[in-house]
């Protein structure tokens, strides 16, 4: 009985660790892509101008719409 309880606890801890590792990994990826978008916008606009949050949101939304449109064009039957 004790072995079953310990194995369930260890499995739960393993899943929790896996979740935390995945969360940190995906958060890092999102931050990297945000930084890349900011750098690209700064190059396009010029480094002397400050990039606002609205500009970043607009650019990300525009890219998402383009990606969705490209995927929907490639998907047959829609």
PDB file of N, CA and C in Angstrom:
ATOM      1  N   UNK A   1       0.828  -1.201   0.000  1.00  0.00           N
ATOM      2  CA  UNK A   1       0.000   0.000   0.000  1.00  0.00           C
ATOM      3  C   UNK A   1       0.867   1.257   0.000  1.00  0.00           C
ATOM      4  N   UNK A   2       1.924   1.232   0.800  1.00  0.00           N
ATOM      5  CA  UNK A   2       2.823   2.379   0.872  1.00  0.00           C
ATOM      6  C   UNK A   2       3.529   2.598  -0.458  1.00  0.00           C
ATOM      7  N   UNK A   3       3.874   1.523  -1.138  1.00  0.00           N
ATOM      8  CA  UNK A   3       4.568   1.640  -2.428  1.00  0.00           C
ATOM      9  C   UNK A   3       3.665   2.312  -3.454  1.00  0.00           C
ATOM     10  N   UNK A   4       2.389   1.994  -3.441  1.00  0.00           N
ATOM     11  CA  UNK A   4       1.439   2.600  -4.385  1.00  0.00           C
ATOM     12  C   UNK A   4       1.310   4.095  -4.112  1.00  0.00           C
ATOM     13  N   UNK A   5       1.205   4.471  -2.867  1.00  0.00           N
ATOM     14  CA  UNK A   5       1.079   5.884  -2.500  1.00  0.00           C
ATOM     15  C   UNK A   5       2.337   6.645  -2.905  1.00  0.00           C
ATOM     16  N   UNK A   6       3.509   6.079  -2.626  1.00  0.00           N
ATOM     17  CA  UNK A   6       4.758   6.739  -2.997  1.00  0.00           C
ATOM     18  C   UNK A   6       4.915   6.854  -4.511  1.00  0.00           C
ATOM     19  N   UNK A   7       4.498   5.838  -5.251  1.00  0.00           N
ATOM     20  CA  UNK A   7       4.607   5.908  -6.707  1.00  0.00           C
ATOM     21  C   UNK A   7       3.648   6.946  -7.283  1.00  0.00           C
ATOM     22  N   UNK A   8       2.458   7.070  -6.702  1.00  0.00           N
ATOM     23  CA  UNK A   8       1.514   8.097  -7.156  1.00  0.00           C
ATOM     24  C   UNK A   8       2.064   9.491  -6.861  1.00  0.00           C
ATOM     25  N   UNK A   9       2.635   9.673  -5.683  1.00  0.00           N
ATOM     26  CA  UNK A   9       3.219  10.972  -5.322  1.00  0.00           C
ATOM     27  C   UNK A   9       4.392  11.299  -6.235  1.00  0.00           C
ATOM     28  N   UNK A  10       5.251  10.329  -6.515  1.00  0.00           N
ATOM     29  CA  UNK A  10       6.402  10.588  -7.384  1.00  0.00           C
ATOM     30  C   UNK A  10       5.954  10.872  -8.818  1.00  0.00           C
ATOM     31  N   UNK A  11       4.906  10.201  -9.291  1.00  0.00           N
ATOM     32  CA  UNK A  11       4.383  10.478 -10.630  1.00  0.00           C
ATOM     33  C   UNK A  11       3.808  11.890 -10.697  1.00  0.00           C
ATOM     34  N   UNK A  12       3.110  12.294  -9.654  1.00  0.00           N
ATOM     35  CA  UNK A  12       2.548  13.649  -9.619  1.00  0.00           C
ATOM     36  C   UNK A  12       3.649  14.698  -9.605  1.00  0.00           C
ATOM     37  N   UNK A  13       4.699  14.447  -8.847  1.00  0.00           N
ATOM     38  CA  UNK A  13       5.826  15.387  -8.816  1.00  0.00           C
ATOM     39  C   UNK A  13       6.536  15.441 -10.168  1.00  0.00           C
ATOM     40  N   UNK A  14       6.664  14.299 -10.821  1.00  0.00           N
ATOM     41  CA  UNK A  14       7.295  14.270 -12.142  1.00  0.00           C
ATOM     42  C   UNK A  14       6.474  15.069 -13.148  1.00  0.00           C
ATOM     43  N   UNK A  15       5.154  14.923 -13.107  1.00  0.00           N
ATOM     44  CA  UNK A  15       4.290  15.696 -14.011  1.00  0.00           C
ATOM     45  C   UNK A  15       4.360  17.188 -13.715  1.00  0.00           C
ATOM     46  N   UNK A  16       4.435  17.531 -12.441  1.00  0.00           N
ATOM     47  CA  UNK A  16       4.558  18.934 -12.067  1.00  0.00           C
ATOM     48  C   UNK A  16       5.869  19.519 -12.581  1.00  0.00           C
ATOM     49  N   UNK A  17       6.950  18.782 -12.428  1.00  0.00           N
ATOM     50  CA  UNK A  17       8.251  19.243 -12.928  1.00  0.00           C
ATOM     51  C   UNK A  17       8.222  19.401 -14.444  1.00  0.00           C
ATOM     52  N   UNK A  18       7.616  18.456 -15.140  1.00  0.00           N
ATOM     53  CA  UNK A  18       7.505  18.534 -16.593  1.00  0.00           C
ATOM     54  C   UNK A  18       6.695  19.761 -17.009  1.00  0.00           C
ATOM     55  N   UNK A  19       5.600  20.006 -16.305  1.00  0.00           N
ATOM     56  CA  UNK A  19       4.783  21.181 -16.585  1.00  0.00           C
ATOM     57  C   UNK A  19       5.575  22.470 -16.388  1.00  0.00           C
ATOM     58  N   UNK A  20       6.324  22.565 -15.288  1.00  0.00           N
ATOM     59  CA  UNK A  20       7.100  23.776 -15.023  1.00  0.00           C
ATOM     60  C   UNK A  20       8.192  23.987 -16.070  1.00  0.00           C
ATOM     61  N   UNK A  21       8.853  22.902 -16.462  1.00  0.00           N
ATOM     62  CA  UNK A  21       9.899  23.022 -17.486  1.00  0.00           C
ATOM     63  C   UNK A  21       9.285  23.497 -18.804  1.00  0.00           C
ATOM     64  N   UNK A  22       8.168  22.918 -19.194  1.00  0.00           N
ATOM     65  CA  UNK A  22       7.495  23.317 -20.429  1.00  0.00           C
ATOM     66  C   UNK A  22       7.015  24.758 -20.355  1.00  0.00           C
ATOM     67  N   UNK A  23       6.491  25.166 -19.217  1.00  0.00           N
ATOM     68  CA  UNK A  23       6.027  26.539 -19.039  1.00  0.00           C
ATOM     69  C   UNK A  23       7.175  27.535 -19.199  1.00  0.00           C
ATOM     70  N   UNK A  24       8.299  27.254 -18.557  1.00  0.00           N
ATOM     71  CA  UNK A  24       9.455  28.147 -18.647  1.00  0.00           C
ATOM     72  C   UNK A  24       9.979  28.191 -20.080  1.00  0.00           C
ATOM     73  N   UNK A  25      10.036  27.044 -20.745  1.00  0.00           N
ATOM     74  CA  UNK A  25      10.519  26.981 -22.125  1.00  0.00           C
ATOM     75  C   UNK A  25       9.636  27.818 -23.046  1.00  0.00           C
ATOM     76  N   UNK A  26       8.327  27.632 -22.948  1.00  0.00           N
ATOM     77  CA  UNK A  26       7.419  28.376 -23.825  1.00  0.00           C
ATOM     78  C   UNK A  26       7.424  29.866 -23.508  1.00  0.00           C
ATOM     79  N   UNK A  27       7.550  30.218 -22.246  1.00  0.00           N
ATOM     80  CA  UNK A  27       7.632  31.633 -21.877  1.00  0.00           C
ATOM     81  C   UNK A  27       8.882  32.272 -22.473  1.00  0.00           C
ATOM     82  N   UNK A  28       9.995  31.564 -22.424  1.00  0.00           N
ATOM     83  CA  UNK A  28      11.226  32.072 -23.030  1.00  0.00           C
ATOM     84  C   UNK A  28      11.066  32.261 -24.524  1.00  0.00           C
ATOM     85  N   UNK A  29      10.427  31.309 -25.191  1.00  0.00           N
ATOM     86  CA  UNK A  29      10.214  31.415 -26.638  1.00  0.00           C
ATOM     87  C   UNK A  29       9.349  32.623 -26.972  1.00  0.00           C
ATOM     88  N   UNK A  30       8.308  32.866 -26.181  1.00  0.00           N
ATOM     89  CA  UNK A  30       7.446  34.014 -26.437  1.00  0.00           C
ATOM     90  C   UNK A  30       8.213  35.318 -26.236  1.00  0.00           C
ATOM     91  N   UNK A  31       9.049  35.375 -25.197  1.00  0.00           N
ATOM     92  CA  UNK A  31       9.823  36.592 -24.956  1.00  0.00           C
ATOM     93  C   UNK A  31      10.840  36.820 -26.067  1.00  0.00           C
ATOM     94  N   UNK A  32      11.463  35.747 -26.566  1.00  0.00           N
ATOM     95  CA  UNK A  32      12.412  35.883 -27.668  1.00  0.00           C
ATOM     96  C   UNK A  32      11.720  36.424 -28.913  1.00  0.00           C
ATOM     97  N   UNK A  33      10.545  35.892 -29.235  1.00  0.00           N
ATOM     98  CA  UNK A  33       9.845  36.354 -30.436  1.00  0.00           C
ATOM     99  C   UNK A  33       9.399  37.804 -30.270  1.00  0.00           C
ATOM    100  N   UNK A  34       9.002  38.193 -29.054  1.00  0.00           N
ATOM    101  CA  UNK A  34       8.624  39.592 -28.807  1.00  0.00           C
ATOM    102  C   UNK A  34       9.822  40.506 -29.010  1.00  0.00           C
ATOM    103  N   UNK A  35      10.989  40.088 -28.515  1.00  0.00           N
ATOM    104  CA  UNK A  35      12.193  40.895 -28.690  1.00  0.00           C
ATOM    105  C   UNK A  35      12.584  41.005 -30.159  1.00  0.00           C
ATOM    106  N   UNK A  36      12.414  39.914 -30.917  1.00  0.00           N
ATOM    107  CA  UNK A  36      12.721  39.959 -32.341  1.00  0.00           C
ATOM    108  C   UNK A  36      11.800  40.916 -33.083  1.00  0.00           C
ATOM    109  N   UNK A  37      10.514  40.909 -32.719  1.00  0.00           N
ATOM    110  CA  UNK A  37       9.567  41.825 -33.357  1.00  0.00           C
ATOM    111  C   UNK A  37       9.929  43.267 -33.020  1.00  0.00           C
ATOM    112  N   UNK A  38      10.300  43.523 -31.767  1.00  0.00           N
ATOM    113  CA  UNK A  38      10.672  44.885 -31.367  1.00  0.00           C
ATOM    114  C   UNK A  38      11.911  45.343 -32.128  1.00  0.00           C
ATOM    115  N   UNK A  39      12.915  44.456 -32.241  1.00  0.00           N
ATOM    116  CA  UNK A  39      14.129  44.842 -32.974  1.00  0.00           C
ATOM    117  C   UNK A  39      13.827  45.115 -34.445  1.00  0.00           C
ATOM    118  N   UNK A  40      12.978  44.289 -35.048  1.00  0.00           N
ATOM    119  CA  UNK A  40      12.628  44.496 -36.452  1.00  0.00           C
ATOM    120  C   UNK A  40      11.890  45.817 -36.646  1.00  0.00           C
ATOM    121  N   UNK A  41      10.959  46.108 -35.727  1.00  0.00           N
ATOM    122  CA  UNK A  41      10.229  47.375 -35.816  1.00  0.00           C
ATOM    123  C   UNK A  41      11.154  48.565 -35.614  1.00  0.00           C
ATOM    124  N   UNK A  42      12.108  48.430 -34.699  1.00  0.00           N
ATOM    125  CA  UNK A  42      13.037  49.531 -34.469  1.00  0.00           C
ATOM    126  C   UNK A  42      13.912  49.765 -35.681  1.00  0.00           C
ATOM    127  N   UNK A  43      14.289  48.703 -36.375  1.00  0.00           N
ATOM    128  CA  UNK A  43      15.074  48.874 -37.592  1.00  0.00           C
ATOM    129  C   UNK A  43      14.240  49.530 -38.685  1.00  0.00           C
ATOM    130  N   UNK A  44      12.977  49.149 -38.754  1.00  0.00           N
ATOM    131  CA  UNK A  44      12.110  49.697 -39.786  1.00  0.00           C
ATOM    132  C   UNK A  44      11.793  51.166 -39.519  1.00  0.00           C
ATOM    133  N   UNK A  45      11.489  51.493 -38.280  1.00  0.00           N
ATOM    134  CA  UNK A  45      11.077  52.855 -37.927  1.00  0.00           C
ATOM    135  C   UNK A  45      12.283  53.743 -37.654  1.00  0.00           C
ATOM    136  N   UNK A  46      13.334  53.152 -37.113  1.00  0.00           N
ATOM    137  CA  UNK A  46      14.497  53.919 -36.716  1.00  0.00           C
ATOM    138  C   UNK A  46      14.685  53.805 -35.214  1.00  0.00           C
ATOM    139  N   UNK A  47      15.918  53.682 -34.799  1.00  0.00           N
ATOM    140  CA  UNK A  47      16.200  53.456 -33.388  1.00  0.00           C
ATOM    141  C   UNK A  47      15.874  54.659 -32.513  1.00  0.00           C
ATOM    142  N   UNK A  48      15.774  55.842 -33.118  1.00  0.00           N
ATOM    143  CA  UNK A  48      15.512  57.024 -32.306  1.00  0.00           C
ATOM    144  C   UNK A  48      14.063  57.097 -31.838  1.00  0.00           C
ATOM    145  N   UNK A  49      13.166  56.398 -32.508  1.00  0.00           N
ATOM    146  CA  UNK A  49      11.760  56.418 -32.103  1.00  0.00           C
ATOM    147  C   UNK A  49      11.494  55.323 -31.090  1.00  0.00           C
ATOM    148  N   UNK A  50      10.605  55.609 -30.187  1.00  0.00           N
ATOM    149  CA  UNK A  50      10.204  54.646 -29.168  1.00  0.00           C
ATOM    150  C   UNK A  50       9.062  53.796 -29.728  1.00  0.00           C
ATOM    151  N   UNK A  51       9.157  52.486 -29.536  1.00  0.00           N
ATOM    152  CA  UNK A  51       8.116  51.579 -30.019  1.00  0.00           C
ATOM    153  C   UNK A  51       7.076  51.421 -28.912  1.00  0.00           C
ATOM    154  N   UNK A  52       5.824  51.717 -29.238  1.00  0.00           N
ATOM    155  CA  UNK A  52       4.766  51.620 -28.229  1.00  0.00           C
ATOM    156  C   UNK A  52       4.187  50.213 -28.202  1.00  0.00           C
ATOM    157  N   UNK A  53       3.488  49.926 -27.130  1.00  0.00           N
ATOM    158  CA  UNK A  53       2.839  48.627 -26.996  1.00  0.00           C
ATOM    159  C   UNK A  53       1.766  48.414 -28.052  1.00  0.00           C
ATOM    160  N   UNK A  54       1.092  49.495 -28.452  1.00  0.00           N
ATOM    161  CA  UNK A  54       0.061  49.383 -29.488  1.00  0.00           C
ATOM    162  C   UNK A  54       0.661  48.958 -30.820  1.00  0.00           C
ATOM    163  N   UNK A  55       1.848  49.475 -31.134  1.00  0.00           N
ATOM    164  CA  UNK A  55       2.514  49.097 -32.377  1.00  0.00           C
ATOM    165  C   UNK A  55       2.865  47.621 -32.372  1.00  0.00           C
ATOM    166  N   UNK A  56       3.344  47.128 -31.238  1.00  0.00           N
ATOM    167  CA  UNK A  56       3.702  45.710 -31.125  1.00  0.00           C
ATOM    168  C   UNK A  56       2.454  44.844 -31.266  1.00  0.00           C
ATOM    169  N   UNK A  57       1.374  45.222 -30.588  1.00  0.00           N
ATOM    170  CA  UNK A  57       0.128  44.460 -30.674  1.00  0.00           C
ATOM    171  C   UNK A  57      -0.391  44.459 -32.110  1.00  0.00           C
ATOM    172  N   UNK A  58      -0.318  45.614 -32.777  1.00  0.00           N
ATOM    173  CA  UNK A  58      -0.765  45.691 -34.167  1.00  0.00           C
ATOM    174  C   UNK A  58       0.066  44.770 -35.057  1.00  0.00           C
ATOM    175  N   UNK A  59       1.373  44.788 -34.888  1.00  0.00           N
ATOM    176  CA  UNK A  59       2.259  43.978 -35.722  1.00  0.00           C
ATOM    177  C   UNK A  59       2.036  42.488 -35.483  1.00  0.00           C
ATOM    178  N   UNK A  60       1.889  42.083 -34.227  1.00  0.00           N
ATOM    179  CA  UNK A  60       1.647  40.671 -33.912  1.00  0.00           C
ATOM    180  C   UNK A  60       0.303  40.232 -34.476  1.00  0.00           C
ATOM    181  N   UNK A  61      -0.732  41.070 -34.330  1.00  0.00           N
ATOM    182  CA  UNK A  61      -2.051  40.738 -34.865  1.00  0.00           C
ATOM    183  C   UNK A  61      -2.008  40.608 -36.381  1.00  0.00           C
ATOM    184  N   UNK A  62      -1.288  41.510 -37.034  1.00  0.00           N
ATOM    185  CA  UNK A  62      -1.176  41.453 -38.494  1.00  0.00           C
ATOM    186  C   UNK A  62      -0.486  40.161 -38.931  1.00  0.00           C
ATOM    187  N   UNK A  63       0.571  39.781 -38.242  1.00  0.00           N
ATOM    188  CA  UNK A  63       1.285  38.553 -38.591  1.00  0.00           C
ATOM    189  C   UNK A  63       0.431  37.319 -38.328  1.00  0.00           C
ATOM    190  N   UNK A  64      -0.336  37.325 -37.244  1.00  0.00           N
ATOM    191  CA  UNK A  64      -1.230  36.200 -36.966  1.00  0.00           C
ATOM    192  C   UNK A  64      -2.289  36.063 -38.053  1.00  0.00           C
ATOM    193  N   UNK A  65      -2.854  37.188 -38.493  1.00  0.00           N
ATOM    194  CA  UNK A  65      -3.861  37.140 -39.553  1.00  0.00           C
ATOM    195  C   UNK A  65      -3.251  36.608 -40.843  1.00  0.00           C
ATOM    196  N   UNK A  66      -2.028  37.031 -41.164  1.00  0.00           N
ATOM    197  CA  UNK A  66      -1.362  36.532 -42.364  1.00  0.00           C
ATOM    198  C   UNK A  66      -1.108  35.032 -42.267  1.00  0.00           C
ATOM    199  N   UNK A  67      -0.688  34.573 -41.087  1.00  0.00           N
ATOM    200  CA  UNK A  67      -0.411  33.142 -40.911  1.00  0.00           C
ATOM    201  C   UNK A  67      -1.702  32.329 -41.019  1.00  0.00           C
ATOM    202  N   UNK A  68      -2.790  32.831 -40.421  1.00  0.00           N
ATOM    203  CA  UNK A  68      -4.068  32.122 -40.490  1.00  0.00           C
ATOM    204  C   UNK A  68      -4.570  32.083 -41.935  1.00  0.00           C
ATOM    205  N   UNK A  69      -4.409  33.185 -42.653  1.00  0.00           N
ATOM    206  CA  UNK A  69      -4.842  33.209 -44.050  1.00  0.00           C
ATOM    207  C   UNK A  69      -4.026  32.224 -44.892  1.00  0.00           C
ATOM    208  N   UNK A  70      -2.728  32.148 -44.638  1.00  0.00           N
ATOM    209  CA  UNK A  70      -1.884  31.216 -45.382  1.00  0.00           C
ATOM    210  C   UNK A  70      -2.258  29.772 -45.079  1.00  0.00           C
ATOM    211  N   UNK A  71      -2.554  29.486 -43.814  1.00  0.00           N
ATOM    212  CA  UNK A  71      -2.948  28.120 -43.435  1.00  0.00           C
ATOM    213  C   UNK A  71      -4.297  27.765 -44.043  1.00  0.00           C
ATOM    214  N   UNK A  72      -5.240  28.706 -44.025  1.00  0.00           N
ATOM    215  CA  UNK A  72      -6.565  28.405 -44.574  1.00  0.00           C
ATOM    216  C   UNK A  72      -6.521  28.238 -46.090  1.00  0.00           C
ATOM    217  N   UNK A  73      -5.588  28.900 -46.770  1.00  0.00           N
ATOM    218  CA  UNK A  73      -5.433  28.706 -48.211  1.00  0.00           C
ATOM    219  C   UNK A  73      -4.859  27.329 -48.521  1.00  0.00           C
ATOM    220  N   UNK A  74      -3.983  26.832 -47.642  1.00  0.00           N
ATOM    221  CA  UNK A  74      -3.363  25.536 -47.862  1.00  0.00           C
ATOM    222  C   UNK A  74      -4.271  24.381 -47.486  1.00  0.00           C
ATOM    223  N   UNK A  75      -5.241  24.626 -46.613  1.00  0.00           N
ATOM    224  CA  UNK A  75      -6.123  23.557 -46.132  1.00  0.00           C
ATOM    225  C   UNK A  75      -7.185  23.268 -47.188  1.00  0.00           C
ATOM    226  N   UNK A  76      -7.225  22.039 -47.718  1.00  0.00           N
ATOM    227  CA  UNK A  76      -8.255  21.720 -48.722  1.00  0.00           C
ATOM    228  C   UNK A  76      -9.620  21.486 -48.077  1.00  0.00           C
ATOM    229  N   UNK A  77     -10.648  21.809 -48.818  1.00  0.00           N
ATOM    230  CA  UNK A  77     -12.006  21.542 -48.342  1.00  0.00           C
ATOM    231  C   UNK A  77     -12.597  22.637 -47.489  1.00  0.00           C
ATOM    232  N   UNK A  78     -11.962  23.790 -47.408  1.00  0.00           N
ATOM    233  CA  UNK A  78     -12.532  24.886 -46.610  1.00  0.00           C
ATOM    234  C   UNK A  78     -12.761  26.089 -47.482  1.00  0.00           C
TER     235      UNK A  78
END
